[in-house]
Full PDB file with SEQRES, HELIX, SHEET, SSBOND, CRYST1, ORIGX, SCALE, CONECT and MASTER records, all heavy atoms in Angstrom:
SEQRES   1 A   40  GLY SER PHE ARG THR TYR GLU LYS GLY ASP LEU VAL THR          
SEQRES   2 A   40  TYR ASN ALA CYS MET LYS ILE TYR LYS ASP ILE ASP GLU          
SEQRES   3 A   40  GLY LYS ILE HIS LEU PRO SER SER SER LEU TYR THR LEU          
SEQRES   4 A   40  GLY                                                          
HELIX    1 AA1 ASP A   10  ASP A   25  1                                  16    
CRYST1    1.000    1.000    1.000  90.00  90.00  90.00 P 1           1          
ORIGX1      1.000000  0.000000  0.000000        0.00000                         
ORIGX2      0.000000  1.000000  0.000000        0.00000                         
ORIGX3      0.000000  0.000000  1.000000        0.00000                         
SCALE1      1.000000  0.000000  0.000000        0.00000                         
SCALE2      0.000000  1.000000  0.000000        0.00000                         
SCALE3      0.000000  0.000000  1.000000        0.00000                         
ATOM      1  N   GLY A   1      36.323 206.892-114.879  1.00  0.00           N  
ATOM      2  CA  GLY A   1      35.762 207.888-115.810  1.00  0.00           C  
ATOM      3  C   GLY A   1      36.851 208.480-116.794  1.00  0.00           C  
ATOM      4  O   GLY A   1      38.008 208.149-116.728  1.00  0.00           O  
ATOM      5  N   SER A   2      36.321 209.329-117.662  1.00  0.00           N  
ATOM      6  CA  SER A   2      37.151 209.882-118.720  1.00  0.00           C  
ATOM      7  C   SER A   2      38.280 210.759-118.211  1.00  0.00           C  
ATOM      8  O   SER A   2      39.253 211.013-118.875  1.00  0.00           O  
ATOM      9  CB  SER A   2      36.300 210.663-119.744  1.00  0.00           C  
ATOM     10  OG  SER A   2      35.597 211.683-119.111  1.00  0.00           O  
ATOM     11  N   PHE A   3      38.083 211.339-116.997  1.00  0.00           N  
ATOM     12  CA  PHE A   3      39.114 212.168-116.419  1.00  0.00           C  
ATOM     13  C   PHE A   3      40.143 211.416-115.649  1.00  0.00           C  
ATOM     14  O   PHE A   3      41.054 211.977-115.047  1.00  0.00           O  
ATOM     15  CB  PHE A   3      38.476 213.266-115.509  1.00  0.00           C  
ATOM     16  CG  PHE A   3      37.949 214.439-116.255  1.00  0.00           C  
ATOM     17  CD1 PHE A   3      37.045 214.308-117.264  1.00  0.00           C  
ATOM     18  CD2 PHE A   3      38.472 215.753-116.037  1.00  0.00           C  
ATOM     19  CE1 PHE A   3      36.570 215.354-117.951  1.00  0.00           C  
ATOM     20  CE2 PHE A   3      37.977 216.843-116.745  1.00  0.00           C  
ATOM     21  CZ  PHE A   3      37.036 216.669-117.686  1.00  0.00           C  
ATOM     22  N   ARG A   4      40.041 210.091-115.669  1.00  0.00           N  
ATOM     23  CA  ARG A   4      41.000 209.192-115.019  1.00  0.00           C  
ATOM     24  C   ARG A   4      41.375 208.095-115.967  1.00  0.00           C  
ATOM     25  O   ARG A   4      40.811 207.964-117.044  1.00  0.00           O  
ATOM     26  CB  ARG A   4      40.438 208.586-113.719  1.00  0.00           C  
ATOM     27  CG  ARG A   4      39.917 209.648-112.719  1.00  0.00           C  
ATOM     28  CD  ARG A   4      39.240 208.958-111.559  1.00  0.00           C  
ATOM     29  NE  ARG A   4      38.648 209.895-110.656  1.00  0.00           N  
ATOM     30  CZ  ARG A   4      39.187 210.394-109.600  1.00  0.00           C  
ATOM     31  NH1 ARG A   4      40.477 210.059-109.346  1.00  0.00           N  
ATOM     32  NH2 ARG A   4      38.622 211.306-108.822  1.00  0.00           N  
ATOM     33  N   THR A   5      42.329 207.289-115.601  1.00  0.00           N  
ATOM     34  CA  THR A   5      42.649 206.122-116.387  1.00  0.00           C  
ATOM     35  C   THR A   5      41.758 204.958-115.997  1.00  0.00           C  
ATOM     36  O   THR A   5      41.384 204.863-114.860  1.00  0.00           O  
ATOM     37  CB  THR A   5      44.111 205.695-116.278  1.00  0.00           C  
ATOM     38  OG1 THR A   5      44.326 204.532-116.973  1.00  0.00           O  
ATOM     39  CG2 THR A   5      44.450 205.419-114.770  1.00  0.00           C  
ATOM     40  N   TYR A   6      41.451 204.131-116.970  1.00  0.00           N  
ATOM     41  CA  TYR A   6      40.704 202.915-116.614  1.00  0.00           C  
ATOM     42  C   TYR A   6      41.596 201.705-116.623  1.00  0.00           C  
ATOM     43  O   TYR A   6      41.164 200.540-116.737  1.00  0.00           O  
ATOM     44  CB  TYR A   6      39.497 202.686-117.549  1.00  0.00           C  
ATOM     45  CG  TYR A   6      39.757 202.711-119.038  1.00  0.00           C  
ATOM     46  CD1 TYR A   6      40.013 201.518-119.750  1.00  0.00           C  
ATOM     47  CD2 TYR A   6      39.742 203.911-119.746  1.00  0.00           C  
ATOM     48  CE1 TYR A   6      40.226 201.560-121.100  1.00  0.00           C  
ATOM     49  CE2 TYR A   6      39.950 203.947-121.081  1.00  0.00           C  
ATOM     50  CZ  TYR A   6      40.235 202.780-121.761  1.00  0.00           C  
ATOM     51  OH  TYR A   6      40.481 202.800-123.072  1.00  0.00           O  
ATOM     52  N   GLU A   7      42.876 201.943-116.414  1.00  0.00           N  
ATOM     53  CA  GLU A   7      43.857 200.857-116.238  1.00  0.00           C  
ATOM     54  C   GLU A   7      44.220 200.783-114.809  1.00  0.00           C  
ATOM     55  O   GLU A   7      44.617 201.793-114.162  1.00  0.00           O  
ATOM     56  CB  GLU A   7      45.140 201.131-117.078  1.00  0.00           C  
ATOM     57  CG  GLU A   7      44.941 200.800-118.522  1.00  0.00           C  
ATOM     58  CD  GLU A   7      46.311 200.745-119.218  1.00  0.00           C  
ATOM     59  OE1 GLU A   7      47.243 201.525-118.913  1.00  0.00           O  
ATOM     60  OE2 GLU A   7      46.395 199.985-120.164  1.00  0.00           O  
ATOM     61  N   LYS A   8      44.073 199.617-114.228  1.00  0.00           N  
ATOM     62  CA  LYS A   8      44.385 199.389-112.855  1.00  0.00           C  
ATOM     63  C   LYS A   8      45.021 198.009-112.642  1.00  0.00           C  
ATOM     64  O   LYS A   8      44.818 197.138-113.522  1.00  0.00           O  
ATOM     65  CB  LYS A   8      43.119 199.504-111.968  1.00  0.00           C  
ATOM     66  CG  LYS A   8      42.529 200.901-111.869  1.00  0.00           C  
ATOM     67  CD  LYS A   8      41.341 200.932-110.989  1.00  0.00           C  
ATOM     68  CE  LYS A   8      40.884 202.382-110.733  1.00  0.00           C  
ATOM     69  NZ  LYS A   8      40.538 203.096-111.968  1.00  0.00           N  
ATOM     70  N   GLY A   9      45.810 197.889-111.597  1.00  0.00           N  
ATOM     71  CA  GLY A   9      46.333 196.606-111.255  1.00  0.00           C  
ATOM     72  C   GLY A   9      47.222 195.964-112.331  1.00  0.00           C  
ATOM     73  O   GLY A   9      48.139 196.602-112.854  1.00  0.00           O  
ATOM     74  N   ASP A  10      46.822 194.732-112.695  1.00  0.00           N  
ATOM     75  CA  ASP A  10      47.604 193.969-113.693  1.00  0.00           C  
ATOM     76  C   ASP A  10      47.659 194.647-115.047  1.00  0.00           C  
ATOM     77  O   ASP A  10      48.632 194.448-115.769  1.00  0.00           O  
ATOM     78  CB  ASP A  10      47.051 192.551-113.810  1.00  0.00           C  
ATOM     79  CG  ASP A  10      47.254 191.781-112.552  1.00  0.00           C  
ATOM     80  OD1 ASP A  10      48.090 192.111-111.785  1.00  0.00           O  
ATOM     81  OD2 ASP A  10      46.523 190.745-112.413  1.00  0.00           O  
ATOM     82  N   LEU A  11      46.581 195.440-115.418  1.00  0.00           N  
ATOM     83  CA  LEU A  11      46.594 196.115-116.718  1.00  0.00           C  
ATOM     84  C   LEU A  11      47.680 197.078-116.796  1.00  0.00           C  
ATOM     85  O   LEU A  11      48.278 197.269-117.906  1.00  0.00           O  
ATOM     86  CB  LEU A  11      45.203 196.771-116.937  1.00  0.00           C  
ATOM     87  CG  LEU A  11      44.120 195.989-117.635  1.00  0.00           C  
ATOM     88  CD1 LEU A  11      42.858 196.816-117.734  1.00  0.00           C  
ATOM     89  CD2 LEU A  11      44.548 195.508-119.006  1.00  0.00           C  
ATOM     90  N   VAL A  12      47.998 197.832-115.722  1.00  0.00           N  
ATOM     91  CA  VAL A  12      49.041 198.786-115.753  1.00  0.00           C  
ATOM     92  C   VAL A  12      50.417 198.063-116.061  1.00  0.00           C  
ATOM     93  O   VAL A  12      51.173 198.528-116.843  1.00  0.00           O  
ATOM     94  CB  VAL A  12      49.126 199.498-114.387  1.00  0.00           C  
ATOM     95  CG1 VAL A  12      50.328 200.482-114.369  1.00  0.00           C  
ATOM     96  CG2 VAL A  12      47.787 200.329-114.116  1.00  0.00           C  
ATOM     97  N   THR A  13      50.588 196.951-115.384  1.00  0.00           N  
ATOM     98  CA  THR A  13      51.841 196.179-115.579  1.00  0.00           C  
ATOM     99  C   THR A  13      51.887 195.666-117.018  1.00  0.00           C  
ATOM    100  O   THR A  13      52.945 195.750-117.663  1.00  0.00           O  
ATOM    101  CB  THR A  13      51.880 195.011-114.602  1.00  0.00           C  
ATOM    102  OG1 THR A  13      51.852 195.542-113.234  1.00  0.00           O  
ATOM    103  CG2 THR A  13      53.149 194.238-114.742  1.00  0.00           C  
ATOM    104  N   TYR A  14      50.750 195.095-117.442  1.00  0.00           N  
ATOM    105  CA  TYR A  14      50.721 194.474-118.774  1.00  0.00           C  
ATOM    106  C   TYR A  14      50.972 195.485-119.919  1.00  0.00           C  
ATOM    107  O   TYR A  14      51.657 195.197-120.899  1.00  0.00           O  
ATOM    108  CB  TYR A  14      49.365 193.783-119.003  1.00  0.00           C  
ATOM    109  CG  TYR A  14      49.254 193.066-120.259  1.00  0.00           C  
ATOM    110  CD1 TYR A  14      49.923 191.858-120.532  1.00  0.00           C  
ATOM    111  CD2 TYR A  14      48.447 193.562-121.305  1.00  0.00           C  
ATOM    112  CE1 TYR A  14      49.794 191.198-121.695  1.00  0.00           C  
ATOM    113  CE2 TYR A  14      48.318 192.881-122.511  1.00  0.00           C  
ATOM    114  CZ  TYR A  14      49.001 191.690-122.769  1.00  0.00           C  
ATOM    115  OH  TYR A  14      48.956 190.994-123.887  1.00  0.00           O  
ATOM    116  N   ASN A  15      50.487 196.715-119.723  1.00  0.00           N  
ATOM    117  CA  ASN A  15      50.652 197.734-120.840  1.00  0.00           C  
ATOM    118  C   ASN A  15      51.735 198.746-120.551  1.00  0.00           C  
ATOM    119  O   ASN A  15      51.825 199.700-121.297  1.00  0.00           O  
ATOM    120  CB  ASN A  15      49.279 198.432-120.987  1.00  0.00           C  
ATOM    121  CG  ASN A  15      48.235 197.506-121.647  1.00  0.00           C  
ATOM    122  OD1 ASN A  15      48.480 196.862-122.632  1.00  0.00           O  
ATOM    123  ND2 ASN A  15      47.063 197.480-121.016  1.00  0.00           N  
ATOM    124  N   ALA A  16      52.510 198.486-119.475  1.00  0.00           N  
ATOM    125  CA  ALA A  16      53.610 199.480-119.207  1.00  0.00           C  
ATOM    126  C   ALA A  16      54.590 199.524-120.382  1.00  0.00           C  
ATOM    127  O   ALA A  16      55.061 200.622-120.715  1.00  0.00           O  
ATOM    128  CB  ALA A  16      54.374 198.992-117.989  1.00  0.00           C  
ATOM    129  N   CYS A  17      54.837 198.414-121.015  1.00  0.00           N  
ATOM    130  CA  CYS A  17      55.772 198.421-122.153  1.00  0.00           C  
ATOM    131  C   CYS A  17      55.249 199.321-123.306  1.00  0.00           C  
ATOM    132  O   CYS A  17      56.018 200.029-124.018  1.00  0.00           O  
ATOM    133  CB  CYS A  17      56.032 197.040-122.664  1.00  0.00           C  
ATOM    134  SG  CYS A  17      54.568 196.070-123.017  1.00  0.00           S  
ATOM    135  N   MET A  18      53.943 199.270-123.574  1.00  0.00           N  
ATOM    136  CA  MET A  18      53.390 200.163-124.654  1.00  0.00           C  
ATOM    137  C   MET A  18      53.391 201.642-124.238  1.00  0.00           C  
ATOM    138  O   MET A  18      53.597 202.481-125.113  1.00  0.00           O  
ATOM    139  CB  MET A  18      51.953 199.685-124.950  1.00  0.00           C  
ATOM    140  CG  MET A  18      51.862 198.318-125.517  1.00  0.00           C  
ATOM    141  SD  MET A  18      52.899 198.102-127.008  1.00  0.00           S  
ATOM    142  CE  MET A  18      53.970 196.785-126.413  1.00  0.00           C  
ATOM    143  N   LYS A  19      53.328 201.923-122.959  1.00  0.00           N  
ATOM    144  CA  LYS A  19      53.444 203.312-122.549  1.00  0.00           C  
ATOM    145  C   LYS A  19      54.833 203.820-122.823  1.00  0.00           C  
ATOM    146  O   LYS A  19      55.067 204.955-123.271  1.00  0.00           O  
ATOM    147  CB  LYS A  19      53.120 203.478-121.017  1.00  0.00           C  
ATOM    148  CG  LYS A  19      53.238 204.929-120.559  1.00  0.00           C  
ATOM    149  CD  LYS A  19      52.899 205.039-119.130  1.00  0.00           C  
ATOM    150  CE  LYS A  19      52.850 206.508-118.693  1.00  0.00           C  
ATOM    151  NZ  LYS A  19      54.143 207.213-119.006  1.00  0.00           N  
ATOM    152  N   ILE A  20      55.856 202.917-122.623  1.00  0.00           N  
ATOM    153  CA  ILE A  20      57.225 203.330-122.907  1.00  0.00           C  
ATOM    154  C   ILE A  20      57.361 203.520-124.419  1.00  0.00           C  
ATOM    155  O   ILE A  20      58.004 204.551-124.849  1.00  0.00           O  
ATOM    156  CB  ILE A  20      58.189 202.231-122.392  1.00  0.00           C  
ATOM    157  CG1 ILE A  20      58.163 202.268-120.819  1.00  0.00           C  
ATOM    158  CG2 ILE A  20      59.618 202.503-122.918  1.00  0.00           C  
ATOM    159  CD1 ILE A  20      59.028 201.150-120.186  1.00  0.00           C  
ATOM    160  N   TYR A  21      56.880 202.627-125.213  1.00  0.00           N  
ATOM    161  CA  TYR A  21      56.927 202.822-126.687  1.00  0.00           C  
ATOM    162  C   TYR A  21      56.331 204.163-127.028  1.00  0.00           C  
ATOM    163  O   TYR A  21      56.816 204.909-127.881  1.00  0.00           O  
ATOM    164  CB  TYR A  21      56.219 201.723-127.395  1.00  0.00           C  
ATOM    165  CG  TYR A  21      57.015 200.514-127.792  1.00  0.00           C  
ATOM    166  CD1 TYR A  21      56.612 199.268-127.359  1.00  0.00           C  
ATOM    167  CD2 TYR A  21      58.203 200.641-128.495  1.00  0.00           C  
ATOM    168  CE1 TYR A  21      57.377 198.104-127.720  1.00  0.00           C  
ATOM    169  CE2 TYR A  21      59.001 199.509-128.817  1.00  0.00           C  
ATOM    170  CZ  TYR A  21      58.567 198.267-128.425  1.00  0.00           C  
ATOM    171  OH  TYR A  21      59.311 197.155-128.804  1.00  0.00           O  
ATOM    172  N   LYS A  22      55.134 204.430-126.492  1.00  0.00           N  
ATOM    173  CA  LYS A  22      54.448 205.694-126.784  1.00  0.00           C  
ATOM    174  C   LYS A  22      55.284 206.926-126.420  1.00  0.00           C  
ATOM    175  O   LYS A  22      55.353 207.909-127.142  1.00  0.00           O  
ATOM    176  CB  LYS A  22      53.069 205.729-126.099  1.00  0.00           C  
ATOM    177  CG  LYS A  22      52.152 206.884-126.426  1.00  0.00           C  
ATOM    178  CD  LYS A  22      50.824 206.649-125.809  1.00  0.00           C  
ATOM    179  CE  LYS A  22      49.812 207.729-126.269  1.00  0.00           C  
ATOM    180  NZ  LYS A  22      50.164 209.025-125.654  1.00  0.00           N  
ATOM    181  N   ASP A  23      55.878 206.855-125.237  1.00  0.00           N  
ATOM    182  CA  ASP A  23      56.695 207.951-124.768  1.00  0.00           C  
ATOM    183  C   ASP A  23      57.941 208.180-125.632  1.00  0.00           C  
ATOM    184  O   ASP A  23      58.427 209.293-125.868  1.00  0.00           O  
ATOM    185  CB  ASP A  23      57.123 207.743-123.305  1.00  0.00           C  
ATOM    186  CG  ASP A  23      55.977 207.956-122.339  1.00  0.00           C  
ATOM    187  OD1 ASP A  23      54.937 208.459-122.722  1.00  0.00           O  
ATOM    188  OD2 ASP A  23      56.056 207.553-121.167  1.00  0.00           O  
ATOM    189  N   ILE A  24      58.536 207.031-126.103  1.00  0.00           N  
ATOM    190  CA  ILE A  24      59.647 207.200-127.056  1.00  0.00           C  
ATOM    191  C   ILE A  24      59.198 207.871-128.314  1.00  0.00           C  
ATOM    192  O   ILE A  24      59.855 208.763-128.842  1.00  0.00           O  
ATOM    193  CB  ILE A  24      60.233 205.821-127.374  1.00  0.00           C  
ATOM    194  CG1 ILE A  24      60.888 205.168-126.064  1.00  0.00           C  
ATOM    195  CG2 ILE A  24      61.348 205.875-128.412  1.00  0.00           C  
ATOM    196  CD1 ILE A  24      61.313 203.716-126.278  1.00  0.00           C  
ATOM    197  N   ASP A  25      58.082 207.445-128.893  1.00  0.00           N  
ATOM    198  CA  ASP A  25      57.529 208.014-130.083  1.00  0.00           C  
ATOM    199  C   ASP A  25      57.229 209.504-129.915  1.00  0.00           C  
ATOM    200  O   ASP A  25      57.460 210.302-130.808  1.00  0.00           O  
ATOM    201  CB  ASP A  25      56.274 207.242-130.506  1.00  0.00           C  
ATOM    202  CG  ASP A  25      55.615 207.890-131.683  1.00  0.00           C  
ATOM    203  OD1 ASP A  25      56.226 207.951-132.740  1.00  0.00           O  
ATOM    204  OD2 ASP A  25      54.421 208.294-131.595  1.00  0.00           O  
ATOM    205  N   GLU A  26      56.764 209.912-128.777  1.00  0.00           N  
ATOM    206  CA  GLU A  26      56.376 211.313-128.507  1.00  0.00           C  
ATOM    207  C   GLU A  26      57.590 212.152-127.987  1.00  0.00           C  
ATOM    208  O   GLU A  26      57.444 213.301-127.706  1.00  0.00           O  
ATOM    209  CB  GLU A  26      55.295 211.360-127.467  1.00  0.00           C  
ATOM    210  CG  GLU A  26      53.950 210.756-128.028  1.00  0.00           C  
ATOM    211  CD  GLU A  26      52.864 210.713-127.032  1.00  0.00           C  
ATOM    212  OE1 GLU A  26      53.129 210.994-125.837  1.00  0.00           O  
ATOM    213  OE2 GLU A  26      51.733 210.424-127.397  1.00  0.00           O  
ATOM    214  N   GLY A  27      58.765 211.510-127.941  1.00  0.00           N  
ATOM    215  CA  GLY A  27      59.943 212.265-127.529  1.00  0.00           C  
ATOM    216  C   GLY A  27      60.102 212.482-126.034  1.00  0.00           C  
ATOM    217  O   GLY A  27      60.962 213.269-125.597  1.00  0.00           O  
ATOM    218  N   LYS A  28      59.345 211.776-125.243  1.00  0.00           N  
ATOM    219  CA  LYS A  28      59.423 211.900-123.755  1.00  0.00           C  
ATOM    220  C   LYS A  28      60.541 211.117-123.196  1.00  0.00           C  
ATOM    221  O   LYS A  28      60.997 211.398-122.073  1.00  0.00           O  
ATOM    222  CB  LYS A  28      58.100 211.545-123.130  1.00  0.00           C  
ATOM    223  CG  LYS A  28      56.940 212.437-123.537  1.00  0.00           C  
ATOM    224  CD  LYS A  28      55.631 211.941-122.977  1.00  0.00           C  
ATOM    225  CE  LYS A  28      54.446 212.805-123.368  1.00  0.00           C  
ATOM    226  NZ  LYS A  28      53.125 212.324-122.882  1.00  0.00           N  
ATOM    227  N   ILE A  29      60.983 210.054-123.943  1.00  0.00           N  
ATOM    228  CA  ILE A  29      62.124 209.213-123.557  1.00  0.00           C  
ATOM    229  C   ILE A  29      63.134 209.248-124.720  1.00  0.00           C  
ATOM    230  O   ILE A  29      62.737 209.057-125.849  1.00  0.00           O  
ATOM    231  CB  ILE A  29      61.692 207.820-123.293  1.00  0.00           C  
ATOM    232  CG1 ILE A  29      60.705 207.726-122.099  1.00  0.00           C  
ATOM    233  CG2 ILE A  29      62.913 206.914-122.999  1.00  0.00           C  
ATOM    234  CD1 ILE A  29      60.203 206.340-121.876  1.00  0.00           C  
ATOM    235  N   HIS A  30      64.332 209.638-124.391  1.00  0.00           N  
ATOM    236  CA  HIS A  30      65.395 209.729-125.435  1.00  0.00           C  
ATOM    237  C   HIS A  30      66.328 208.534-125.308  1.00  0.00           C  
ATOM    238  O   HIS A  30      66.891 208.316-124.245  1.00  0.00           O  
ATOM    239  CB  HIS A  30      66.166 210.981-125.293  1.00  0.00           C  
ATOM    240  CG  HIS A  30      65.284 212.240-125.448  1.00  0.00           C  
ATOM    241  ND1 HIS A  30      64.885 212.701-126.683  1.00  0.00           N  
ATOM    242  CD2 HIS A  30      64.708 213.110-124.529  1.00  0.00           C  
ATOM    243  CE1 HIS A  30      64.068 213.780-126.526  1.00  0.00           C  
ATOM    244  NE2 HIS A  30      63.993 214.012-125.244  1.00  0.00           N  
ATOM    245  N   LEU A  31      66.517 207.811-126.438  1.00  0.00           N  
ATOM    246  CA  LEU A  31      67.367 206.645-126.398  1.00  0.00           C  
ATOM    247  C   LEU A  31      68.778 207.070-126.752  1.00  0.00           C  
ATOM    248  O   LEU A  31      69.005 207.956-127.570  1.00  0.00           O  
ATOM    249  CB  LEU A  31      66.863 205.602-127.382  1.00  0.00           C  
ATOM    250  CG  LEU A  31      65.426 205.062-127.135  1.00  0.00           C  
ATOM    251  CD1 LEU A  31      65.059 204.141-128.308  1.00  0.00           C  
ATOM    252  CD2 LEU A  31      65.382 204.331-125.801  1.00  0.00           C  
ATOM    253  N   PRO A  32      69.760 206.350-126.219  1.00  0.00           N  
ATOM    254  CA  PRO A  32      71.166 206.616-126.494  1.00  0.00           C  
ATOM    255  C   PRO A  32      71.633 205.988-127.814  1.00  0.00           C  
ATOM    256  O   PRO A  32      72.778 206.126-128.175  1.00  0.00           O  
ATOM    257  CB  PRO A  32      71.949 206.081-125.313  1.00  0.00           C  
ATOM    258  CG  PRO A  32      71.088 204.921-124.834  1.00  0.00           C  
ATOM    259  CD  PRO A  32      69.682 205.370-125.072  1.00  0.00           C  
ATOM    260  N   SER A  33      70.760 205.271-128.458  1.00  0.00           N  
ATOM    261  CA  SER A  33      71.084 204.611-129.716  1.00  0.00           C  
ATOM    262  C   SER A  33      69.902 204.617-130.674  1.00  0.00           C  
ATOM    263  O   SER A  33      68.755 204.705-130.272  1.00  0.00           O  
ATOM    264  CB  SER A  33      71.512 203.139-129.397  1.00  0.00           C  
ATOM    265  OG  SER A  33      71.650 202.389-130.561  1.00  0.00           O  
ATOM    266  N   SER A  34      70.209 204.485-131.946  1.00  0.00           N  
ATOM    267  CA  SER A  34      69.153 204.444-132.994  1.00  0.00           C  
ATOM    268  C   SER A  34      68.645 203.016-133.207  1.00  0.00           C  
ATOM    269  O   SER A  34      67.736 202.765-133.959  1.00  0.00           O  
ATOM    270  CB  SER A  34      69.663 205.025-134.301  1.00  0.00           C  
ATOM    271  OG  SER A  34      70.748 204.266-134.800  1.00  0.00           O  
ATOM    272  N   SER A  35      69.290 202.066-132.504  1.00  0.00           N  
ATOM    273  CA  SER A  35      68.825 200.661-132.569  1.00  0.00           C  
ATOM    274  C   SER A  35      68.306 200.280-131.197  1.00  0.00           C  
ATOM    275  O   SER A  35      68.994 200.465-130.142  1.00  0.00           O  
ATOM    276  CB  SER A  35      70.031 199.761-132.965  1.00  0.00           C  
ATOM    277  OG  SER A  35      70.405 200.041-134.307  1.00  0.00           O  
ATOM    278  N   LEU A  36      67.154 199.672-131.217  1.00  0.00           N  
ATOM    279  CA  LEU A  36      66.508 199.212-129.946  1.00  0.00           C  
ATOM    280  C   LEU A  36      66.235 197.754-130.088  1.00  0.00           C  
ATOM    281  O   LEU A  36      65.405 197.350-130.908  1.00  0.00           O  
ATOM    282  CB  LEU A  36      65.221 200.025-129.680  1.00  0.00           C  
ATOM    283  CG  LEU A  36      64.458 199.642-128.355  1.00  0.00           C  
ATOM    284  CD1 LEU A  36      65.345 199.994-127.149  1.00  0.00           C  
ATOM    285  CD2 LEU A  36      63.112 200.370-128.303  1.00  0.00           C  
ATOM    286  N   TYR A  37      66.843 196.946-129.324  1.00  0.00           N  
ATOM    287  CA  TYR A  37      66.669 195.481-129.351  1.00  0.00           C  
ATOM    288  C   TYR A  37      65.507 195.088-128.380  1.00  0.00           C  
ATOM    289  O   TYR A  37      65.310 195.677-127.327  1.00  0.00           O  
ATOM    290  CB  TYR A  37      67.947 194.749-128.903  1.00  0.00           C  
ATOM    291  CG  TYR A  37      69.131 194.896-129.851  1.00  0.00           C  
ATOM    292  CD1 TYR A  37      69.881 195.969-129.834  1.00  0.00           C  
ATOM    293  CD2 TYR A  37      69.354 193.858-130.736  1.00  0.00           C  
ATOM    294  CE1 TYR A  37      70.973 196.106-130.754  1.00  0.00           C  
ATOM    295  CE2 TYR A  37      70.427 193.936-131.652  1.00  0.00           C  
ATOM    296  CZ  TYR A  37      71.197 195.051-131.663  1.00  0.00           C  
ATOM    297  OH  TYR A  37      72.246 195.196-132.561  1.00  0.00           O  
ATOM    298  N   THR A  38      64.757 194.109-128.801  1.00  0.00           N  
ATOM    299  CA  THR A  38      63.704 193.603-127.959  1.00  0.00           C  
ATOM    300  C   THR A  38      63.629 192.102-128.188  1.00  0.00           C  
ATOM    301  O   THR A  38      64.085 191.553-129.194  1.00  0.00           O  
ATOM    302  CB  THR A  38      62.330 194.294-128.185  1.00  0.00           C  
ATOM    303  OG1 THR A  38      61.469 193.882-127.195  1.00  0.00           O  
ATOM    304  CG2 THR A  38      61.802 193.941-129.522  1.00  0.00           C  
ATOM    305  N   LEU A  39      63.063 191.366-127.236  1.00  0.00           N  
ATOM    306  CA  LEU A  39      63.050 189.912-127.287  1.00  0.00           C  
ATOM    307  C   LEU A  39      61.874 189.408-128.140  1.00  0.00           C  
ATOM    308  O   LEU A  39      60.720 189.823-127.946  1.00  0.00           O  
ATOM    309  CB  LEU A  39      62.905 189.330-125.841  1.00  0.00           C  
ATOM    310  CG  LEU A  39      63.969 189.832-124.831  1.00  0.00           C  
ATOM    311  CD1 LEU A  39      63.823 189.112-123.551  1.00  0.00           C  
ATOM    312  CD2 LEU A  39      65.379 189.691-125.404  1.00  0.00           C  
ATOM    313  N   GLY A  40      62.177 188.479-129.001  1.00  0.00           N  
ATOM    314  CA  GLY A  40      61.186 187.993-129.948  1.00  0.00           C  
ATOM    315  C   GLY A  40      59.998 187.262-129.227  1.00  0.00           C  
ATOM    316  O   GLY A  40      58.848 187.350-129.663  1.00  0.00           O  
TER     317      GLY A  40                                                      
MASTER        0    0    0    1    0    0    0    6  316    1    0    4          
END                                                                             
């Protein structure tokens, strides 16, 4: 339902990286550098 997440199991793992991006954007995660490398 709307008061819970509809992500479970493999979806949580698959979208974990986007949650991190979102948290960086919202200031919940602070990076020690202004450059962030990621694999192509």
